Amino acid sequence: MLFHDRTTAGAELAQLVYLQLLELQPNRQVIVYALPRGGIPVAIPIAKQLNCPLDVIVAKKITTPTNRELAIGAVTSEGNILWTKPELWRDANLCGLKEAVVQAQDKAQNQALEFASYRLPLDLQGKIAIIVDDGIATGMTMGVAAQYLREQQVAEIWLCAPVAPPDLIPQLELWSNRVLVLATPDPFFSVSRFYDHFEQVSLTDAVAMLETHNQQFQPTLSQKDL
């Protein structure tokens, strides 16, 4: 086990992110984005350390019609799509692929609606966007989230997680301006094996964390610095 739980992992990651920002971009405004739900308790300590708003980006894996465990891509609730290597899905028929995309996006949109009332109307342009998850296994949801934010004209995209496979780091670096990962164990297997406690984050808890953190920024919603 590398981490006790998501919160302690987030606190450790927050120190790394803070020091990197202090060294490289001390005056740049930042917004932290969590991949729900597991990414939210990791992102909270980071957003607190940086004293910045917290938002979510919802992305779901696209799987083949014949193998629901095989991720062949990912899609955001807004419709951004990122595919993995073609050899993983080239034998799937076009109709099946379209159906898989629709199903994954429907899931993403339904989850996005669960958080819609607790998100802030943020101005992304020119900000550093820090995307946080509790761990990176395939990188697809991180990658498609980065794709979405790139379209919003952010200044930089940082991908951050407590743990990720070592062979995935080069690909993550292609999708972003900076990758911050606390541990890259080999062999990797799964994110959960590196946590002592890795229970599913409930919707109630996730929403409460997001709402509580962002309350401090509510009076300044009209200011351009958000």
C-alpha atoms as a PDB file:
ATOM      1  CA  MET A   1       0.000   0.000   0.000  1.00  0.00           C
ATOM      2  CA  LEU A   2       1.286   3.465  -0.918  1.00  0.00           C
ATOM      3  CA  PHE A   3      -1.574   5.594   0.424  1.00  0.00           C
ATOM      4  CA  HIS A   4      -3.957   5.349   3.361  1.00  0.00           C
ATOM      5  CA  ASP A   5      -6.912   6.825   1.471  1.00  0.00           C
ATOM      6  CA  ARG A   6      -7.766   9.370  -1.210  1.00  0.00           C
ATOM      7  CA  THR A   7      -7.637  12.348   1.158  1.00  0.00           C
ATOM      8  CA  THR A   8      -4.147  11.611   2.444  1.00  0.00           C
ATOM      9  CA  ALA A   9      -2.959  10.920  -1.099  1.00  0.00           C
ATOM     10  CA  GLY A  10      -4.449  14.264  -2.154  1.00  0.00           C
ATOM     11  CA  ALA A  11      -2.673  16.071   0.675  1.00  0.00           C
ATOM     12  CA  GLU A  12       0.657  14.625  -0.423  1.00  0.00           C
ATOM     13  CA  LEU A  13      -0.047  15.465  -4.056  1.00  0.00           C
ATOM     14  CA  ALA A  14      -1.084  18.999  -3.070  1.00  0.00           C
ATOM     15  CA  GLN A  15       2.403  19.719  -1.746  1.00  0.00           C
ATOM     16  CA  LEU A  16       3.990  18.625  -5.004  1.00  0.00           C
ATOM     17  CA  VAL A  17       1.584  20.681  -7.118  1.00  0.00           C
ATOM     18  CA  TYR A  18       2.048  23.746  -4.922  1.00  0.00           C
ATOM     19  CA  LEU A  19       5.849  23.618  -5.115  1.00  0.00           C
ATOM     20  CA  GLN A  20       5.781  23.131  -8.886  1.00  0.00           C
ATOM     21  CA  LEU A  21       3.460  26.095  -9.364  1.00  0.00           C
ATOM     22  CA  LEU A  22       5.555  28.232  -7.044  1.00  0.00           C
ATOM     23  CA  GLU A  23       8.656  27.440  -9.065  1.00  0.00           C
ATOM     24  CA  LEU A  24       7.241  27.588 -12.590  1.00  0.00           C
ATOM     25  CA  GLN A  25       4.071  29.705 -12.593  1.00  0.00           C
ATOM     26  CA  PRO A  26       3.890  31.703  -9.337  1.00  0.00           C
ATOM     27  CA  ASN A  27       1.501  34.349 -10.672  1.00  0.00           C
ATOM     28  CA  ARG A  28      -0.743  32.239 -12.922  1.00  0.00           C
ATOM     29  CA  GLN A  29      -4.362  31.690 -11.859  1.00  0.00           C
ATOM     30  CA  VAL A  30      -5.422  28.102 -11.415  1.00  0.00           C
ATOM     31  CA  ILE A  31      -8.573  25.990 -11.517  1.00  0.00           C
ATOM     32  CA  VAL A  32      -8.578  22.411 -10.244  1.00  0.00           C
ATOM     33  CA  TYR A  33     -10.713  19.846 -12.078  1.00  0.00           C
ATOM     34  CA  ALA A  34     -11.603  16.492 -10.559  1.00  0.00           C
ATOM     35  CA  LEU A  35     -12.721  13.401 -12.438  1.00  0.00           C
ATOM     36  CA  PRO A  36     -15.713  12.268 -10.365  1.00  0.00           C
ATOM     37  CA  ARG A  37     -16.331  10.645  -8.215  1.00  0.00           C
ATOM     38  CA  GLY A  38     -13.054   9.212  -6.970  1.00  0.00           C
ATOM     39  CA  GLY A  39     -11.010  12.202  -8.040  1.00  0.00           C
ATOM     40  CA  ILE A  40     -12.917  14.663  -5.853  1.00  0.00           C
ATOM     41  CA  PRO A  41     -11.468  13.707  -2.423  1.00  0.00           C
ATOM     42  CA  VAL A  42      -7.985  13.785  -3.976  1.00  0.00           C
ATOM     43  CA  ALA A  43      -8.604  17.166  -5.591  1.00  0.00           C
ATOM     44  CA  ILE A  44     -10.017  18.847  -2.473  1.00  0.00           C
ATOM     45  CA  PRO A  45      -6.650  19.169  -0.639  1.00  0.00           C
ATOM     46  CA  ILE A  46      -5.065  20.488  -3.825  1.00  0.00           C
ATOM     47  CA  ALA A  47      -7.740  23.142  -4.360  1.00  0.00           C
ATOM     48  CA  LYS A  48      -7.462  24.103  -0.685  1.00  0.00           C
ATOM     49  CA  GLN A  49      -3.679  24.389  -0.881  1.00  0.00           C
ATOM     50  CA  LEU A  50      -3.927  26.578  -3.980  1.00  0.00           C
ATOM     51  CA  ASN A  51      -6.960  28.509  -2.677  1.00  0.00           C
ATOM     52  CA  CYS A  52      -8.739  28.106  -5.994  1.00  0.00           C
ATOM     53  CA  PRO A  53     -12.139  26.886  -7.243  1.00  0.00           C
ATOM     54  CA  LEU A  54     -12.852  23.206  -7.817  1.00  0.00           C
ATOM     55  CA  ASP A  55     -14.793  21.933 -10.803  1.00  0.00           C
ATOM     56  CA  VAL A  56     -15.480  18.538 -12.359  1.00  0.00           C
ATOM     57  CA  ILE A  57     -15.084  17.068 -15.814  1.00  0.00           C
ATOM     58  CA  VAL A  58     -17.153  13.962 -16.429  1.00  0.00           C
ATOM     59  CA  ALA A  59     -15.725  11.402 -18.843  1.00  0.00           C
ATOM     60  CA  LYS A  60     -16.606   7.758 -19.378  1.00  0.00           C
ATOM     61  CA  LYS A  61     -14.774   4.917 -21.063  1.00  0.00           C
ATOM     62  CA  ILE A  62     -16.075   3.604 -24.388  1.00  0.00           C
ATOM     63  CA  THR A  63     -16.138  -0.185 -24.530  1.00  0.00           C
ATOM     64  CA  THR A  64     -16.676  -2.631 -27.356  1.00  0.00           C
ATOM     65  CA  PRO A  65     -20.129  -4.197 -27.733  1.00  0.00           C
ATOM     66  CA  THR A  66     -18.578  -7.664 -27.294  1.00  0.00           C
ATOM     67  CA  ASN A  67     -16.343  -6.837 -24.320  1.00  0.00           C
ATOM     68  CA  ARG A  68     -17.634  -4.316 -21.795  1.00  0.00           C
ATOM     69  CA  GLU A  69     -14.358  -4.523 -19.875  1.00  0.00           C
ATOM     70  CA  LEU A  70     -12.179  -3.462 -22.816  1.00  0.00           C
ATOM     71  CA  ALA A  71     -11.784   0.308 -23.051  1.00  0.00           C
ATOM     72  CA  ILE A  72     -11.327   1.444 -26.635  1.00  0.00           C
ATOM     73  CA  GLY A  73     -11.746   5.145 -25.960  1.00  0.00           C
ATOM     74  CA  ALA A  74     -13.376   7.743 -23.754  1.00  0.00           C
ATOM     75  CA  VAL A  75     -15.971  10.478 -24.173  1.00  0.00           C
ATOM     76  CA  THR A  76     -16.834  13.562 -22.123  1.00  0.00           C
ATOM     77  CA  SER A  77     -20.343  14.684 -21.294  1.00  0.00           C
ATOM     78  CA  GLU A  78     -19.782  17.499 -23.820  1.00  0.00           C
ATOM     79  CA  GLY A  79     -19.034  14.997 -26.605  1.00  0.00           C
ATOM     80  CA  ASN A  80     -15.243  15.049 -26.895  1.00  0.00           C
ATOM     81  CA  ILE A  81     -13.972  11.618 -27.978  1.00  0.00           C
ATOM     82  CA  LEU A  82     -10.520  10.063 -27.651  1.00  0.00           C
ATOM     83  CA  TRP A  83      -9.741   6.639 -29.123  1.00  0.00           C
ATOM     84  CA  THR A  84      -7.096   4.143 -28.083  1.00  0.00           C
ATOM     85  CA  LYS A  85      -5.059   2.044 -30.514  1.00  0.00           C
ATOM     86  CA  PRO A  86      -7.171   1.031 -33.553  1.00  0.00           C
ATOM     87  CA  GLU A  87      -6.220  -2.638 -33.245  1.00  0.00           C
ATOM     88  CA  LEU A  88      -8.355  -2.808 -30.109  1.00  0.00           C
ATOM     89  CA  TRP A  89     -11.580  -1.950 -31.922  1.00  0.00           C
ATOM     90  CA  ARG A  90     -11.015  -2.332 -35.677  1.00  0.00           C
ATOM     91  CA  ASP A  91     -13.117  -5.512 -35.813  1.00  0.00           C
ATOM     92  CA  ALA A  92     -16.140  -3.842 -34.246  1.00  0.00           C
ATOM     93  CA  ASN A  93     -18.807  -2.786 -36.734  1.00  0.00           C
ATOM     94  CA  LEU A  94     -19.484   0.921 -37.233  1.00  0.00           C
ATOM     95  CA  CYS A  95     -23.035   0.698 -35.903  1.00  0.00           C
ATOM     96  CA  GLY A  96     -21.768  -1.001 -32.758  1.00  0.00           C
ATOM     97  CA  LEU A  97     -19.159   1.691 -32.227  1.00  0.00           C
ATOM     98  CA  LYS A  98     -21.707   4.465 -32.574  1.00  0.00           C
ATOM     99  CA  GLU A  99     -23.934   2.724 -30.042  1.00  0.00           C
ATOM    100  CA  ALA A 100     -21.001   2.342 -27.638  1.00  0.00           C
ATOM    101  CA  VAL A 101     -20.219   6.060 -27.900  1.00  0.00           C
ATOM    102  CA  VAL A 102     -23.852   7.020 -27.313  1.00  0.00           C
ATOM    103  CA  GLN A 103     -24.103   4.760 -24.264  1.00  0.00           C
ATOM    104  CA  ALA A 104     -20.886   6.124 -22.751  1.00  0.00           C
ATOM    105  CA  GLN A 105     -21.857   9.745 -23.397  1.00  0.00           C
ATOM    106  CA  ASP A 106     -25.311   9.163 -21.907  1.00  0.00           C
ATOM    107  CA  LYS A 107     -23.648   7.905 -18.720  1.00  0.00           C
ATOM    108  CA  ALA A 108     -21.347  10.935 -18.687  1.00  0.00           C
ATOM    109  CA  GLN A 109     -24.217  13.372 -19.228  1.00  0.00           C
ATOM    110  CA  ASN A 110     -26.306  11.763 -16.483  1.00  0.00           C
ATOM    111  CA  GLN A 111     -23.436  12.059 -14.021  1.00  0.00           C
ATOM    112  CA  ALA A 112     -22.717  15.632 -15.101  1.00  0.00           C
ATOM    113  CA  LEU A 113     -26.328  16.533 -14.281  1.00  0.00           C
ATOM    114  CA  GLU A 114     -25.800  15.245 -10.745  1.00  0.00           C
ATOM    115  CA  PHE A 115     -23.089  17.861 -10.218  1.00  0.00           C
ATOM    116  CA  ALA A 116     -24.535  20.698 -12.312  1.00  0.00           C
ATOM    117  CA  SER A 117     -26.109  22.615  -9.413  1.00  0.00           C
ATOM    118  CA  TYR A 118     -22.843  22.684  -7.448  1.00  0.00           C
ATOM    119  CA  ARG A 119     -20.475  23.926 -10.154  1.00  0.00           C
ATOM    120  CA  LEU A 120     -19.281  27.505 -10.518  1.00  0.00           C
ATOM    121  CA  PRO A 121     -19.511  29.521 -13.769  1.00  0.00           C
ATOM    122  CA  LEU A 122     -15.761  29.778 -14.284  1.00  0.00           C
ATOM    123  CA  ASP A 123     -13.755  31.650 -16.900  1.00  0.00           C
ATOM    124  CA  LEU A 124     -11.154  29.145 -18.110  1.00  0.00           C
ATOM    125  CA  GLN A 125      -9.307  31.254 -20.657  1.00  0.00           C
ATOM    126  CA  GLY A 126      -5.681  31.850 -19.738  1.00  0.00           C
ATOM    127  CA  LYS A 127      -5.805  29.739 -16.567  1.00  0.00           C
ATOM    128  CA  ILE A 128      -3.778  26.683 -15.620  1.00  0.00           C
ATOM    129  CA  ALA A 129      -6.176  23.739 -15.522  1.00  0.00           C
ATOM    130  CA  ILE A 130      -5.117  20.988 -13.146  1.00  0.00           C
ATOM    131  CA  ILE A 131      -6.920  17.690 -13.775  1.00  0.00           C
ATOM    132  CA  VAL A 132      -6.937  15.308 -10.814  1.00  0.00           C
ATOM    133  CA  ASP A 133      -7.951  11.681 -10.373  1.00  0.00           C
ATOM    134  CA  ASP A 134      -7.325   9.088  -7.657  1.00  0.00           C
ATOM    135  CA  GLY A 135      -5.117   7.122 -10.038  1.00  0.00           C
ATOM    136  CA  ILE A 136      -4.482   6.563 -13.720  1.00  0.00           C
ATOM    137  CA  ALA A 137      -4.892   3.095 -15.212  1.00  0.00           C
ATOM    138  CA  THR A 138      -5.366   3.584 -18.984  1.00  0.00           C
ATOM    139  CA  GLY A 139      -5.250   7.381 -19.095  1.00  0.00           C
ATOM    140  CA  MET A 140      -8.190   7.626 -21.470  1.00  0.00           C
ATOM    141  CA  THR A 141     -10.482   9.686 -19.255  1.00  0.00           C
ATOM    142  CA  MET A 142      -7.578  11.982 -18.351  1.00  0.00           C
ATOM    143  CA  GLY A 143      -6.717  12.354 -22.019  1.00  0.00           C
ATOM    144  CA  VAL A 144     -10.217  13.214 -23.193  1.00  0.00           C
ATOM    145  CA  ALA A 145     -10.649  15.637 -20.287  1.00  0.00           C
ATOM    146  CA  ALA A 146      -7.456  17.363 -21.400  1.00  0.00           C
ATOM    147  CA  GLN A 147      -8.822  17.479 -24.949  1.00  0.00           C
ATOM    148  CA  TYR A 148     -11.950  19.247 -23.726  1.00  0.00           C
ATOM    149  CA  LEU A 149      -9.999  21.821 -21.702  1.00  0.00           C
ATOM    150  CA  ARG A 150      -7.616  22.510 -24.581  1.00  0.00           C
ATOM    151  CA  GLU A 151     -10.633  23.677 -26.580  1.00  0.00           C
ATOM    152  CA  GLN A 152     -11.475  26.143 -23.788  1.00  0.00           C
ATOM    153  CA  GLN A 153      -8.219  28.032 -24.416  1.00  0.00           C
ATOM    154  CA  VAL A 154      -6.608  27.364 -21.064  1.00  0.00           C
ATOM    155  CA  ALA A 155      -2.978  28.446 -20.729  1.00  0.00           C
ATOM    156  CA  GLU A 156      -1.687  25.060 -19.589  1.00  0.00           C
ATOM    157  CA  ILE A 157      -3.002  21.626 -18.653  1.00  0.00           C
ATOM    158  CA  TRP A 158      -1.483  19.664 -15.795  1.00  0.00           C
ATOM    159  CA  LEU A 159      -2.403  16.017 -15.222  1.00  0.00           C
ATOM    160  CA  CYS A 160      -2.081  14.946 -11.588  1.00  0.00           C
ATOM    161  CA  ALA A 161      -2.648  11.690  -9.731  1.00  0.00           C
ATOM    162  CA  PRO A 162      -1.156   9.813  -6.812  1.00  0.00           C
ATOM    163  CA  VAL A 163      -0.288   6.746  -8.884  1.00  0.00           C
ATOM    164  CA  ALA A 164       0.038   5.663 -12.522  1.00  0.00           C
ATOM    165  CA  PRO A 165       1.827   2.981 -14.590  1.00  0.00           C
ATOM    166  CA  PRO A 166       5.366   4.048 -15.571  1.00  0.00           C
ATOM    167  CA  ASP A 167       4.886   3.213 -19.256  1.00  0.00           C
ATOM    168  CA  LEU A 168       1.894   5.571 -19.466  1.00  0.00           C
ATOM    169  CA  ILE A 169       3.806   8.711 -18.490  1.00  0.00           C
ATOM    170  CA  PRO A 170       5.095   9.541 -22.014  1.00  0.00           C
ATOM    171  CA  GLN A 171       1.554   9.467 -23.410  1.00  0.00           C
ATOM    172  CA  LEU A 172       0.262  11.638 -20.574  1.00  0.00           C
ATOM    173  CA  GLU A 173       3.021  14.134 -21.333  1.00  0.00           C
ATOM    174  CA  LEU A 174       1.843  14.330 -24.957  1.00  0.00           C
ATOM    175  CA  TRP A 175      -1.651  15.257 -23.776  1.00  0.00           C
ATOM    176  CA  SER A 176      -0.560  17.943 -21.332  1.00  0.00           C
ATOM    177  CA  ASN A 177       2.009  20.562 -20.376  1.00  0.00           C
ATOM    178  CA  ARG A 178       3.013  18.818 -17.156  1.00  0.00           C
ATOM    179  CA  VAL A 179       2.424  15.470 -15.474  1.00  0.00           C
ATOM    180  CA  LEU A 180       2.688  15.152 -11.691  1.00  0.00           C
ATOM    181  CA  VAL A 181       2.432  11.627 -10.294  1.00  0.00           C
ATOM    182  CA  LEU A 182       3.640  10.614  -6.841  1.00  0.00           C
ATOM    183  CA  ALA A 183       4.350   6.961  -7.629  1.00  0.00           C
ATOM    184  CA  THR A 184       4.801   4.850 -10.769  1.00  0.00           C
ATOM    185  CA  PRO A 185       5.003   1.269  -9.451  1.00  0.00           C
ATOM    186  CA  ASP A 186       5.831  -1.646 -11.720  1.00  0.00           C
ATOM    187  CA  PRO A 187       3.983  -3.981 -11.982  1.00  0.00           C
ATOM    188  CA  PHE A 188       0.868  -1.845 -11.757  1.00  0.00           C
ATOM    189  CA  PHE A 189      -2.275  -4.030 -12.107  1.00  0.00           C
ATOM    190  CA  SER A 190      -4.891  -1.617 -10.689  1.00  0.00           C
ATOM    191  CA  VAL A 191      -5.234   1.680  -8.838  1.00  0.00           C
ATOM    192  CA  SER A 192      -7.035   0.163  -5.852  1.00  0.00           C
ATOM    193  CA  ARG A 193      -4.128  -2.072  -4.818  1.00  0.00           C
ATOM    194  CA  PHE A 194      -2.085   0.986  -3.841  1.00  0.00           C
ATOM    195  CA  TYR A 195      -4.633   2.242  -1.296  1.00  0.00           C
ATOM    196  CA  ASP A 196      -5.327   0.899   2.162  1.00  0.00           C
ATOM    197  CA  HIS A 197      -8.883   2.261   1.934  1.00  0.00           C
ATOM    198  CA  PHE A 198     -10.442   2.609  -1.515  1.00  0.00           C
ATOM    199  CA  GLU A 199     -14.176   2.517  -0.936  1.00  0.00           C
ATOM    200  CA  GLN A 200     -16.498   3.893  -3.608  1.00  0.00           C
ATOM    201  CA  VAL A 201     -17.186   7.605  -3.168  1.00  0.00           C
ATOM    202  CA  SER A 202     -20.935   8.140  -2.838  1.00  0.00           C
ATOM    203  CA  LEU A 203     -22.745  10.823  -4.796  1.00  0.00           C
ATOM    204  CA  THR A 204     -23.839  12.435  -1.537  1.00  0.00           C
ATOM    205  CA  ASP A 205     -20.272  12.734  -0.290  1.00  0.00           C
ATOM    206  CA  ALA A 206     -18.915  13.902  -3.636  1.00  0.00           C
ATOM    207  CA  VAL A 207     -21.536  16.632  -4.000  1.00  0.00           C
ATOM    208  CA  ALA A 208     -21.059  17.750  -0.389  1.00  0.00           C
ATOM    209  CA  MET A 209     -17.290  18.083  -0.851  1.00  0.00           C
ATOM    210  CA  LEU A 210     -17.680  20.087  -4.045  1.00  0.00           C
ATOM    211  CA  GLU A 211     -20.350  22.356  -2.598  1.00  0.00           C
ATOM    212  CA  THR A 212     -18.520  22.977   0.684  1.00  0.00           C
ATOM    213  CA  HIS A 213     -15.239  23.872  -0.984  1.00  0.00           C
ATOM    214  CA  ASN A 214     -16.776  26.248  -3.520  1.00  0.00           C
ATOM    215  CA  GLN A 215     -18.886  28.161  -0.998  1.00  0.00           C
ATOM    216  CA  GLN A 216     -15.949  30.484  -0.306  1.00  0.00           C
ATOM    217  CA  PHE A 217     -15.875  31.558  -3.958  1.00  0.00           C
ATOM    218  CA  GLN A 218     -19.607  32.246  -4.309  1.00  0.00           C
ATOM    219  CA  PRO A 219     -19.454  36.010  -3.485  1.00  0.00           C
ATOM    220  CA  THR A 220     -16.883  36.616  -6.230  1.00  0.00           C
ATOM    221  CA  LEU A 221     -18.563  34.821  -9.113  1.00  0.00           C
ATOM    222  CA  SER A 222     -18.867  38.030 -11.118  1.00  0.00           C
ATOM    223  CA  GLN A 223     -15.167  38.824 -10.878  1.00  0.00           C
ATOM    224  CA  LYS A 224     -12.967  38.055 -13.859  1.00  0.00           C
ATOM    225  CA  ASP A 225     -10.375  36.282 -11.744  1.00  0.00           C
ATOM    226  CA  LEU A 226     -12.529  33.143 -11.627  1.00  0.00           C
END
